[in-house]
Amino acid sequence: EFFGHEKGAFTGAHTMVQGKLQYAHKGSLFLDEIGELPVNLQVKLLRFFQEGTIQRVGGREDIVVDTRTICATNVDIAKAINEGKFREDLYYRIGVITIALPPLRERGDDILLLAHYYLRLFNNEHKKRVRRFGAAAINFLKSYEWPGNVRELRNRVQRAVIMSDSSAIEPADLGCDSNLSTHPETSQGIMTL
């Protein structure tokens, strides 16, 4: 996926395939969850970052790739380095500018700003007329720990807009029990995205 392959490089390689890194040439490359990358692939990426070239699988030609790379992770990289799960040399190669973003639970009023943004977005998308969050729902939004960060908030508000039969979203619409539990209701079955 990253490096591509040459025709005939392995069984089933009927054509040359350009890798994702090469597609990013003269543009930006976003590597999400880089902290989860297996160590053996970290070595290959390190070579790319150091030399600015790649070789397709089965190829011998160095291909120059000039790209701005942005990496993200929610892994504690210092801890991963100490545990041998992330290469220190790769970290120093990619960590030119580091921006630490606190989790949603530490963002205070941003939770309500985002919740209202998603309320408007999903009202429009689903042709609904849910106007506001009830007081208990606001209390839940502020007190919940948000282990899934913004993705979880987005999904809960979307669910609430879809499921609500009134003009105000209540805790049950957000998947919260009546005691404002910080644990979401769970059910077995099919999850749709």
N, C-alpha and C. Protein backbone atom coordinates (compact mmCIF):
# COMPACT_ATOMS: atom_id res chain seq x y z
N GLU A 1 0.81 -1.20 0.00
CA GLU A 1 0.00 0.00 0.00
C GLU A 1 0.86 1.27 0.00
N PHE A 2 1.85 1.34 0.87
CA PHE A 2 2.69 2.53 0.95
C PHE A 2 3.59 2.68 -0.27
N PHE A 3 4.24 1.60 -0.65
CA PHE A 3 5.32 1.69 -1.63
C PHE A 3 4.93 1.25 -3.03
N GLY A 4 3.82 0.54 -3.19
CA GLY A 4 3.42 0.03 -4.50
C GLY A 4 4.23 -1.19 -4.86
N HIS A 5 3.99 -1.74 -6.05
CA HIS A 5 4.75 -2.90 -6.50
C HIS A 5 4.87 -2.92 -8.02
N GLU A 6 5.89 -3.65 -8.46
CA GLU A 6 6.13 -3.81 -9.89
C GLU A 6 5.33 -5.00 -10.41
N LYS A 7 5.08 -4.99 -11.69
CA LYS A 7 4.42 -6.11 -12.33
C LYS A 7 5.29 -7.36 -12.14
N GLY A 8 4.67 -8.45 -11.69
CA GLY A 8 5.39 -9.70 -11.50
C GLY A 8 6.16 -9.81 -10.19
N ALA A 9 6.01 -8.82 -9.29
CA ALA A 9 6.76 -8.84 -8.02
C ALA A 9 6.35 -10.01 -7.13
N PHE A 10 5.12 -10.47 -7.28
CA PHE A 10 4.61 -11.60 -6.50
C PHE A 10 3.41 -12.17 -7.25
N THR A 11 2.97 -13.33 -6.83
CA THR A 11 1.82 -13.96 -7.48
C THR A 11 0.62 -13.03 -7.42
N GLY A 12 0.02 -12.79 -8.55
CA GLY A 12 -1.14 -11.92 -8.63
C GLY A 12 -0.80 -10.47 -8.96
N ALA A 13 0.48 -10.12 -9.04
CA ALA A 13 0.88 -8.75 -9.39
C ALA A 13 0.93 -8.65 -10.91
N HIS A 14 -0.22 -8.49 -11.52
CA HIS A 14 -0.33 -8.49 -12.98
C HIS A 14 0.01 -7.14 -13.61
N THR A 15 -0.03 -6.09 -12.80
CA THR A 15 0.31 -4.76 -13.30
C THR A 15 1.13 -4.02 -12.25
N MET A 16 1.82 -2.98 -12.68
CA MET A 16 2.54 -2.12 -11.75
C MET A 16 1.50 -1.29 -11.00
N VAL A 17 1.69 -1.16 -9.69
CA VAL A 17 0.79 -0.35 -8.87
C VAL A 17 1.61 0.69 -8.13
N GLN A 18 1.22 1.95 -8.30
CA GLN A 18 1.88 3.06 -7.62
C GLN A 18 1.43 3.07 -6.16
N GLY A 19 2.35 3.29 -5.22
CA GLY A 19 2.02 3.30 -3.80
C GLY A 19 1.46 4.63 -3.33
N LYS A 20 0.88 4.61 -2.14
CA LYS A 20 0.27 5.82 -1.57
C LYS A 20 1.30 6.93 -1.37
N LEU A 21 2.53 6.55 -1.02
CA LEU A 21 3.56 7.58 -0.84
C LEU A 21 3.81 8.32 -2.15
N GLN A 22 3.88 7.60 -3.24
CA GLN A 22 4.13 8.23 -4.53
C GLN A 22 2.95 9.10 -4.96
N TYR A 23 1.75 8.70 -4.62
CA TYR A 23 0.58 9.53 -4.94
C TYR A 23 0.65 10.89 -4.24
N ALA A 24 1.35 10.94 -3.10
CA ALA A 24 1.44 12.19 -2.33
C ALA A 24 2.55 13.12 -2.84
N HIS A 25 3.27 12.73 -3.88
CA HIS A 25 4.36 13.54 -4.42
C HIS A 25 3.87 14.96 -4.73
N LYS A 26 4.61 15.94 -4.23
CA LYS A 26 4.30 17.37 -4.39
C LYS A 26 3.02 17.78 -3.66
N GLY A 27 2.61 16.98 -2.69
CA GLY A 27 1.42 17.29 -1.91
C GLY A 27 1.65 16.96 -0.45
N SER A 28 0.56 16.67 0.24
CA SER A 28 0.62 16.34 1.67
C SER A 28 0.21 14.90 1.90
N LEU A 29 0.87 14.27 2.83
CA LEU A 29 0.59 12.89 3.22
C LEU A 29 0.19 12.90 4.68
N PHE A 30 -0.98 12.35 5.00
CA PHE A 30 -1.43 12.27 6.38
C PHE A 30 -1.39 10.82 6.83
N LEU A 31 -0.59 10.55 7.85
CA LEU A 31 -0.47 9.21 8.41
C LEU A 31 -1.15 9.21 9.78
N ASP A 32 -2.35 8.68 9.84
CA ASP A 32 -3.11 8.63 11.08
C ASP A 32 -2.69 7.41 11.88
N GLU A 33 -2.68 7.54 13.19
CA GLU A 33 -2.33 6.46 14.12
C GLU A 33 -0.95 5.87 13.83
N ILE A 34 0.01 6.73 13.58
CA ILE A 34 1.38 6.26 13.30
C ILE A 34 1.97 5.52 14.49
N GLY A 35 1.50 5.79 15.68
CA GLY A 35 1.98 5.10 16.87
C GLY A 35 1.61 3.62 16.89
N GLU A 36 0.67 3.21 16.06
CA GLU A 36 0.24 1.81 15.97
C GLU A 36 0.99 1.04 14.88
N LEU A 37 1.86 1.73 14.15
CA LEU A 37 2.57 1.12 13.03
C LEU A 37 3.55 0.05 13.52
N PRO A 38 3.51 -1.15 12.94
CA PRO A 38 4.45 -2.19 13.36
C PRO A 38 5.91 -1.75 13.14
N VAL A 39 6.79 -2.19 14.03
CA VAL A 39 8.19 -1.77 14.01
C VAL A 39 8.85 -2.08 12.67
N ASN A 40 8.54 -3.23 12.05
CA ASN A 40 9.18 -3.57 10.78
C ASN A 40 8.82 -2.58 9.67
N LEU A 41 7.63 -2.00 9.72
CA LEU A 41 7.25 -1.00 8.72
C LEU A 41 7.83 0.37 9.09
N GLN A 42 8.05 0.60 10.38
CA GLN A 42 8.68 1.85 10.81
C GLN A 42 10.06 2.01 10.18
N VAL A 43 10.80 0.89 10.06
CA VAL A 43 12.14 0.93 9.46
C VAL A 43 12.04 1.40 8.01
N LYS A 44 11.08 0.88 7.28
CA LYS A 44 10.92 1.24 5.87
C LYS A 44 10.52 2.71 5.73
N LEU A 45 9.65 3.18 6.60
CA LEU A 45 9.26 4.59 6.55
C LEU A 45 10.41 5.50 6.93
N LEU A 46 11.23 5.06 7.88
CA LEU A 46 12.39 5.86 8.28
C LEU A 46 13.30 6.11 7.07
N ARG A 47 13.55 5.07 6.28
CA ARG A 47 14.38 5.22 5.08
C ARG A 47 13.76 6.25 4.13
N PHE A 48 12.45 6.17 3.95
CA PHE A 48 11.76 7.13 3.09
C PHE A 48 11.93 8.55 3.63
N PHE A 49 11.74 8.75 4.93
CA PHE A 49 11.88 10.09 5.50
C PHE A 49 13.31 10.61 5.43
N GLN A 50 14.29 9.73 5.58
CA GLN A 50 15.69 10.15 5.54
C GLN A 50 16.15 10.48 4.13
N GLU A 51 15.77 9.66 3.17
CA GLU A 51 16.31 9.80 1.82
C GLU A 51 15.36 10.46 0.83
N GLY A 52 14.08 10.49 1.15
CA GLY A 52 13.11 11.08 0.23
C GLY A 52 12.88 10.24 -1.01
N THR A 53 13.22 8.94 -0.91
CA THR A 53 13.01 8.04 -2.04
C THR A 53 12.32 6.77 -1.55
N ILE A 54 11.69 6.09 -2.49
CA ILE A 54 11.09 4.78 -2.21
C ILE A 54 11.49 3.83 -3.32
N GLN A 55 11.32 2.55 -3.07
CA GLN A 55 11.41 1.52 -4.10
C GLN A 55 10.14 0.71 -4.01
N ARG A 56 9.52 0.50 -5.16
CA ARG A 56 8.34 -0.36 -5.18
C ARG A 56 8.77 -1.79 -4.87
N VAL A 57 7.87 -2.58 -4.31
CA VAL A 57 8.14 -4.00 -4.06
C VAL A 57 8.47 -4.65 -5.40
N GLY A 58 9.58 -5.33 -5.44
CA GLY A 58 10.02 -5.97 -6.68
C GLY A 58 10.80 -5.06 -7.59
N GLY A 59 11.00 -3.82 -7.19
CA GLY A 59 11.71 -2.86 -8.02
C GLY A 59 13.12 -2.59 -7.51
N ARG A 60 13.92 -1.99 -8.38
CA ARG A 60 15.30 -1.63 -8.01
C ARG A 60 15.56 -0.14 -8.15
N GLU A 61 14.63 0.55 -8.78
CA GLU A 61 14.80 1.97 -9.05
C GLU A 61 14.35 2.80 -7.85
N ASP A 62 15.20 3.76 -7.46
CA ASP A 62 14.81 4.72 -6.43
C ASP A 62 13.90 5.76 -7.06
N ILE A 63 12.77 5.99 -6.43
CA ILE A 63 11.79 6.96 -6.93
C ILE A 63 11.74 8.12 -5.92
N VAL A 64 12.02 9.31 -6.39
CA VAL A 64 12.01 10.49 -5.52
C VAL A 64 10.57 10.87 -5.21
N VAL A 65 10.30 11.07 -3.93
CA VAL A 65 8.98 11.51 -3.49
C VAL A 65 9.17 12.70 -2.57
N ASP A 66 8.62 13.83 -2.98
CA ASP A 66 8.71 15.07 -2.21
C ASP A 66 7.32 15.36 -1.66
N THR A 67 7.16 15.20 -0.36
CA THR A 67 5.85 15.40 0.24
C THR A 67 5.96 15.99 1.63
N ARG A 68 4.98 16.75 2.02
CA ARG A 68 4.86 17.24 3.39
C ARG A 68 4.10 16.15 4.13
N THR A 69 4.65 15.70 5.25
CA THR A 69 4.02 14.61 5.99
C THR A 69 3.48 15.11 7.32
N ILE A 70 2.25 14.75 7.59
CA ILE A 70 1.59 15.07 8.86
C ILE A 70 1.21 13.74 9.50
N CYS A 71 1.62 13.55 10.74
CA CYS A 71 1.34 12.31 11.45
C CYS A 71 0.48 12.60 12.67
N ALA A 72 -0.37 11.64 13.01
CA ALA A 72 -1.21 11.78 14.20
C ALA A 72 -1.23 10.46 14.94
N THR A 73 -1.39 10.55 16.25
CA THR A 73 -1.53 9.35 17.06
C THR A 73 -2.13 9.73 18.40
N ASN A 74 -2.76 8.77 19.05
CA ASN A 74 -3.18 9.00 20.43
C ASN A 74 -2.36 8.13 21.38
N VAL A 75 -1.30 7.52 20.83
CA VAL A 75 -0.36 6.72 21.63
C VAL A 75 0.63 7.67 22.29
N ASP A 76 1.00 7.39 23.52
CA ASP A 76 2.05 8.14 24.21
C ASP A 76 3.37 7.68 23.60
N ILE A 77 3.93 8.47 22.69
CA ILE A 77 5.11 8.06 21.93
C ILE A 77 6.32 7.85 22.84
N ALA A 78 6.51 8.70 23.84
CA ALA A 78 7.65 8.52 24.76
C ALA A 78 7.56 7.15 25.44
N LYS A 79 6.39 6.79 25.87
CA LYS A 79 6.19 5.48 26.51
C LYS A 79 6.43 4.35 25.49
N ALA A 80 5.91 4.52 24.27
CA ALA A 80 6.10 3.50 23.23
C ALA A 80 7.58 3.33 22.89
N ILE A 81 8.34 4.41 22.89
CA ILE A 81 9.79 4.33 22.64
C ILE A 81 10.46 3.54 23.76
N ASN A 82 10.11 3.85 25.00
CA ASN A 82 10.69 3.14 26.15
C ASN A 82 10.35 1.66 26.15
N GLU A 83 9.18 1.31 25.62
CA GLU A 83 8.74 -0.09 25.57
C GLU A 83 9.23 -0.80 24.31
N GLY A 84 9.96 -0.09 23.44
CA GLY A 84 10.46 -0.69 22.21
C GLY A 84 9.41 -0.88 21.14
N LYS A 85 8.29 -0.17 21.25
CA LYS A 85 7.20 -0.29 20.28
C LYS A 85 7.25 0.79 19.20
N PHE A 86 8.08 1.81 19.42
CA PHE A 86 8.22 2.86 18.42
C PHE A 86 9.69 3.26 18.36
N ARG A 87 10.21 3.38 17.16
CA ARG A 87 11.63 3.70 16.95
C ARG A 87 11.90 5.16 17.29
N GLU A 88 12.89 5.36 18.14
CA GLU A 88 13.26 6.71 18.56
C GLU A 88 13.75 7.52 17.37
N ASP A 89 14.54 6.89 16.47
CA ASP A 89 15.06 7.62 15.31
C ASP A 89 13.94 8.06 14.37
N LEU A 90 12.89 7.26 14.25
CA LEU A 90 11.75 7.66 13.44
C LEU A 90 11.04 8.84 14.08
N TYR A 91 10.89 8.79 15.40
CA TYR A 91 10.25 9.91 16.09
C TYR A 91 11.00 11.22 15.83
N TYR A 92 12.34 11.17 15.92
CA TYR A 92 13.11 12.40 15.71
C TYR A 92 13.05 12.86 14.26
N ARG A 93 12.81 11.94 13.35
CA ARG A 93 12.69 12.31 11.94
C ARG A 93 11.35 12.97 11.65
N ILE A 94 10.27 12.48 12.27
CA ILE A 94 8.94 13.02 11.97
C ILE A 94 8.51 14.11 12.94
N GLY A 95 9.16 14.20 14.11
CA GLY A 95 8.71 15.13 15.14
C GLY A 95 9.30 16.52 15.02
N VAL A 96 9.33 17.09 13.83
CA VAL A 96 9.90 18.42 13.62
C VAL A 96 9.07 19.46 14.37
N ILE A 97 7.79 19.44 14.15
CA ILE A 97 6.87 20.31 14.89
C ILE A 97 5.83 19.39 15.52
N THR A 98 5.70 19.49 16.83
CA THR A 98 4.76 18.63 17.55
C THR A 98 3.67 19.49 18.17
N ILE A 99 2.44 19.11 17.94
CA ILE A 99 1.30 19.81 18.52
C ILE A 99 0.52 18.82 19.37
N ALA A 100 0.41 19.09 20.64
CA ALA A 100 -0.35 18.23 21.54
C ALA A 100 -1.77 18.76 21.64
N LEU A 101 -2.73 17.94 21.27
CA LEU A 101 -4.13 18.33 21.38
C LEU A 101 -4.75 17.57 22.54
N PRO A 102 -5.30 18.28 23.51
CA PRO A 102 -5.90 17.59 24.64
C PRO A 102 -7.16 16.84 24.22
N PRO A 103 -7.49 15.77 24.93
CA PRO A 103 -8.71 15.04 24.61
C PRO A 103 -9.94 15.91 24.84
N LEU A 104 -11.03 15.55 24.22
CA LEU A 104 -12.27 16.33 24.29
C LEU A 104 -12.69 16.59 25.73
N ARG A 105 -12.54 15.62 26.61
CA ARG A 105 -12.98 15.78 28.01
C ARG A 105 -12.25 16.93 28.71
N GLU A 106 -11.10 17.35 28.18
CA GLU A 106 -10.34 18.45 28.77
C GLU A 106 -10.57 19.78 28.05
N ARG A 107 -11.51 19.80 27.12
CA ARG A 107 -11.70 20.99 26.30
C ARG A 107 -12.83 21.88 26.76
N GLY A 108 -13.45 21.58 27.89
CA GLY A 108 -14.46 22.46 28.48
C GLY A 108 -15.60 22.79 27.54
N ASP A 109 -15.78 24.09 27.28
CA ASP A 109 -16.92 24.56 26.49
C ASP A 109 -16.87 24.13 25.03
N ASP A 110 -15.73 23.65 24.55
CA ASP A 110 -15.65 23.16 23.17
C ASP A 110 -16.64 22.02 22.94
N ILE A 111 -16.92 21.25 23.97
CA ILE A 111 -17.86 20.13 23.84
C ILE A 111 -19.22 20.65 23.38
N LEU A 112 -19.71 21.69 24.03
CA LEU A 112 -21.02 22.24 23.66
C LEU A 112 -20.99 22.91 22.30
N LEU A 113 -19.89 23.60 21.98
CA LEU A 113 -19.77 24.22 20.64
C LEU A 113 -19.85 23.15 19.55
N LEU A 114 -19.11 22.05 19.74
CA LEU A 114 -19.13 20.97 18.76
C LEU A 114 -20.50 20.28 18.71
N ALA A 115 -21.10 20.08 19.88
CA ALA A 115 -22.42 19.42 19.92
C ALA A 115 -23.45 20.24 19.15
N HIS A 116 -23.44 21.55 19.33
CA HIS A 116 -24.38 22.40 18.60
C HIS A 116 -24.08 22.42 17.10
N TYR A 117 -22.81 22.42 16.76
CA TYR A 117 -22.45 22.34 15.34
C TYR A 117 -23.02 21.06 14.73
N TYR A 118 -22.81 19.92 15.40
CA TYR A 118 -23.31 18.65 14.87
C TYR A 118 -24.84 18.60 14.88
N LEU A 119 -25.47 19.26 15.84
CA LEU A 119 -26.93 19.32 15.86
C LEU A 119 -27.43 19.99 14.58
N ARG A 120 -26.84 21.13 14.22
CA ARG A 120 -27.24 21.81 12.97
C ARG A 120 -26.94 20.96 11.75
N LEU A 121 -25.75 20.37 11.71
CA LEU A 121 -25.34 19.56 10.57
C LEU A 121 -26.30 18.40 10.33
N PHE A 122 -26.62 17.65 11.40
CA PHE A 122 -27.46 16.47 11.23
C PHE A 122 -28.93 16.81 11.09
N ASN A 123 -29.36 17.94 11.61
CA ASN A 123 -30.72 18.41 11.31
C ASN A 123 -30.87 18.61 9.82
N ASN A 124 -29.90 19.27 9.20
CA ASN A 124 -29.94 19.51 7.76
C ASN A 124 -29.84 18.21 6.98
N GLU A 125 -28.90 17.37 7.39
CA GLU A 125 -28.65 16.12 6.66
C GLU A 125 -29.85 15.18 6.71
N HIS A 126 -30.51 15.10 7.86
CA HIS A 126 -31.61 14.14 8.04
C HIS A 126 -32.98 14.81 7.96
N LYS A 127 -32.99 16.08 7.58
CA LYS A 127 -34.26 16.83 7.41
C LYS A 127 -35.11 16.76 8.68
N LYS A 128 -34.46 17.03 9.81
CA LYS A 128 -35.14 17.00 11.11
C LYS A 128 -35.23 18.43 11.67
N ARG A 129 -35.99 18.59 12.76
CA ARG A 129 -36.16 19.90 13.38
C ARG A 129 -35.94 19.82 14.89
N VAL A 130 -34.83 19.21 15.26
CA VAL A 130 -34.47 19.16 16.67
C VAL A 130 -33.77 20.49 16.98
N ARG A 131 -34.32 21.27 17.88
CA ARG A 131 -33.87 22.65 18.07
C ARG A 131 -32.77 22.84 19.11
N ARG A 132 -32.74 21.97 20.13
CA ARG A 132 -31.81 22.26 21.23
C ARG A 132 -31.51 20.99 22.03
N PHE A 133 -30.61 21.15 22.95
CA PHE A 133 -30.31 20.11 23.94
C PHE A 133 -31.03 20.49 25.22
N GLY A 134 -31.73 19.54 25.82
CA GLY A 134 -32.37 19.79 27.11
C GLY A 134 -31.30 19.97 28.19
N ALA A 135 -31.71 20.50 29.34
CA ALA A 135 -30.77 20.77 30.45
C ALA A 135 -30.05 19.50 30.89
N ALA A 136 -30.76 18.39 30.99
CA ALA A 136 -30.14 17.13 31.42
C ALA A 136 -29.15 16.64 30.37
N ALA A 137 -29.46 16.84 29.11
CA ALA A 137 -28.54 16.43 28.03
C ALA A 137 -27.27 17.29 28.08
N ILE A 138 -27.42 18.57 28.33
CA ILE A 138 -26.24 19.45 28.45
C ILE A 138 -25.38 19.01 29.63
N ASN A 139 -26.03 18.66 30.73
CA ASN A 139 -25.29 18.15 31.89
C ASN A 139 -24.51 16.89 31.53
N PHE A 140 -25.15 16.00 30.78
CA PHE A 140 -24.46 14.78 30.34
C PHE A 140 -23.27 15.12 29.43
N LEU A 141 -23.49 15.99 28.46
CA LEU A 141 -22.42 16.37 27.54
C LEU A 141 -21.20 16.91 28.28
N LYS A 142 -21.45 17.72 29.31
CA LYS A 142 -20.36 18.33 30.07
C LYS A 142 -19.66 17.34 31.01
N SER A 143 -20.39 16.37 31.56
CA SER A 143 -19.82 15.50 32.58
C SER A 143 -19.28 14.17 32.04
N TYR A 144 -19.65 13.81 30.84
CA TYR A 144 -19.21 12.53 30.27
C TYR A 144 -17.72 12.58 29.94
N GLU A 145 -17.02 11.47 30.07
CA GLU A 145 -15.57 11.42 29.88
C GLU A 145 -15.12 11.41 28.41
N TRP A 146 -15.97 11.08 27.47
CA TRP A 146 -15.69 11.07 26.04
C TRP A 146 -14.45 10.24 25.66
N PRO A 147 -14.47 8.94 25.97
CA PRO A 147 -13.32 8.10 25.59
C PRO A 147 -13.11 8.02 24.08
N GLY A 148 -14.18 8.23 23.31
CA GLY A 148 -14.06 8.20 21.86
C GLY A 148 -13.82 9.57 21.24
N ASN A 149 -13.58 10.57 22.09
CA ASN A 149 -13.30 11.93 21.65
C ASN A 149 -14.36 12.48 20.70
N VAL A 150 -13.96 13.29 19.73
CA VAL A 150 -14.90 13.98 18.86
C VAL A 150 -15.70 12.99 18.01
N ARG A 151 -15.08 11.88 17.61
CA ARG A 151 -15.82 10.89 16.82
C ARG A 151 -17.04 10.38 17.59
N GLU A 152 -16.85 10.13 18.88
CA GLU A 152 -17.96 9.64 19.70
C GLU A 152 -19.03 10.72 19.85
N LEU A 153 -18.62 11.95 20.11
CA LEU A 153 -19.58 13.05 20.23
C LEU A 153 -20.40 13.18 18.96
N ARG A 154 -19.72 13.16 17.84
CA ARG A 154 -20.40 13.27 16.54
C ARG A 154 -21.43 12.16 16.37
N ASN A 155 -21.05 10.93 16.66
CA ASN A 155 -21.96 9.80 16.49
C ASN A 155 -23.14 9.86 17.45
N ARG A 156 -22.89 10.29 18.69
CA ARG A 156 -23.98 10.38 19.66
C ARG A 156 -24.98 11.47 19.26
N VAL A 157 -24.48 12.60 18.78
CA VAL A 157 -25.40 13.66 18.36
C VAL A 157 -26.17 13.23 17.11
N GLN A 158 -25.51 12.56 16.19
CA GLN A 158 -26.21 12.06 15.01
C GLN A 158 -27.32 11.10 15.42
N ARG A 159 -27.00 10.18 16.33
CA ARG A 159 -28.00 9.24 16.82
C ARG A 159 -29.16 10.00 17.45
N ALA A 160 -28.84 11.00 18.27
CA ALA A 160 -29.87 11.76 18.97
C ALA A 160 -30.80 12.47 17.99
N VAL A 161 -30.24 13.07 16.97
CA VAL A 161 -31.06 13.76 15.97
C VAL A 161 -31.97 12.76 15.26
N ILE A 162 -31.42 11.63 14.89
CA ILE A 162 -32.21 10.62 14.18
C ILE A 162 -33.32 10.06 15.08
N MET A 163 -33.00 9.79 16.34
CA MET A 163 -33.92 9.10 17.23
C MET A 163 -34.91 10.01 17.95
N SER A 164 -34.60 11.29 18.06
CA SER A 164 -35.44 12.19 18.83
C SER A 164 -36.79 12.41 18.16
N ASP A 165 -37.85 12.37 18.98
CA ASP A 165 -39.21 12.65 18.50
C ASP A 165 -39.70 14.01 18.97
N SER A 166 -38.82 14.76 19.60
CA SER A 166 -39.23 16.06 20.11
C SER A 166 -38.28 17.14 19.60
N SER A 167 -38.50 18.35 20.05
CA SER A 167 -37.65 19.45 19.60
C SER A 167 -36.39 19.58 20.43
N ALA A 168 -36.30 18.81 21.53
CA ALA A 168 -35.12 18.88 22.40
C ALA A 168 -34.52 17.50 22.58
N ILE A 169 -33.20 17.45 22.55
CA ILE A 169 -32.49 16.19 22.77
C ILE A 169 -32.36 15.96 24.27
N GLU A 170 -32.71 14.76 24.68
CA GLU A 170 -32.62 14.37 26.09
C GLU A 170 -31.52 13.32 26.23
N PRO A 171 -31.08 13.02 27.46
CA PRO A 171 -29.99 12.06 27.67
C PRO A 171 -30.23 10.70 27.00
N ALA A 172 -31.45 10.20 27.03
CA ALA A 172 -31.74 8.91 26.41
C ALA A 172 -31.45 8.95 24.90
N ASP A 173 -31.69 10.09 24.27
CA ASP A 173 -31.40 10.23 22.84
C ASP A 173 -29.90 10.12 22.56
N LEU A 174 -29.10 10.50 23.56
CA LEU A 174 -27.64 10.44 23.43
C LEU A 174 -27.08 9.07 23.82
N GLY A 175 -27.98 8.13 24.17
CA GLY A 175 -27.52 6.80 24.56
C GLY A 175 -27.07 6.74 26.01
N CYS A 176 -27.65 7.59 26.84
CA CYS A 176 -27.30 7.66 28.26
C CYS A 176 -28.48 7.18 29.07
N ASP A 177 -28.21 6.44 30.16
CA ASP A 177 -29.33 6.01 31.00
C ASP A 177 -29.86 7.17 31.83
N SER A 178 -30.93 6.97 32.52
CA SER A 178 -31.61 8.06 33.23
C SER A 178 -30.81 8.63 34.40
N ASN A 179 -29.80 7.90 34.87
CA ASN A 179 -28.98 8.40 35.97
C ASN A 179 -27.78 9.20 35.48
N LEU A 180 -27.75 9.56 34.23
CA LEU A 180 -26.64 10.27 33.62
C LEU A 180 -25.33 9.52 33.81
N SER A 181 -25.41 8.22 33.62
CA SER A 181 -24.22 7.37 33.72
C SER A 181 -23.17 7.83 32.73
N THR A 182 -21.92 7.66 33.12
CA THR A 182 -20.86 7.99 32.18
C THR A 182 -20.53 6.79 31.29
N HIS A 183 -21.33 5.74 31.39
CA HIS A 183 -21.14 4.58 30.52
C HIS A 183 -22.29 4.53 29.53
N PRO A 184 -22.00 4.45 28.24
CA PRO A 184 -23.07 4.44 27.26
C PRO A 184 -23.87 3.16 27.34
N GLU A 185 -25.12 3.26 26.92
CA GLU A 185 -25.93 2.05 26.79
C GLU A 185 -25.33 1.22 25.67
N THR A 186 -25.29 -0.07 25.86
CA THR A 186 -24.78 -0.94 24.82
C THR A 186 -25.84 -1.93 24.43
N SER A 187 -25.81 -2.38 23.23
CA SER A 187 -26.73 -3.40 22.78
C SER A 187 -26.00 -4.26 21.77
N GLN A 188 -26.44 -5.49 21.67
CA GLN A 188 -25.84 -6.38 20.70
C GLN A 188 -26.62 -6.26 19.42
N GLY A 189 -25.93 -6.43 18.32
CA GLY A 189 -26.59 -6.34 17.03
C GLY A 189 -25.68 -5.70 16.01
N ILE A 190 -26.28 -5.17 15.00
CA ILE A 190 -25.53 -4.59 13.89
C ILE A 190 -25.31 -3.11 14.16
N MET A 191 -24.09 -2.67 13.95
CA MET A 191 -23.78 -1.25 14.09
C MET A 191 -23.64 -0.67 12.69
N THR A 192 -24.34 0.39 12.42
CA THR A 192 -24.23 1.03 11.12
C THR A 192 -23.45 2.31 11.25
N LEU A 193 -22.68 2.61 10.24
CA LEU A 193 -21.87 3.83 10.24
C LEU A 193 -22.27 4.71 9.10
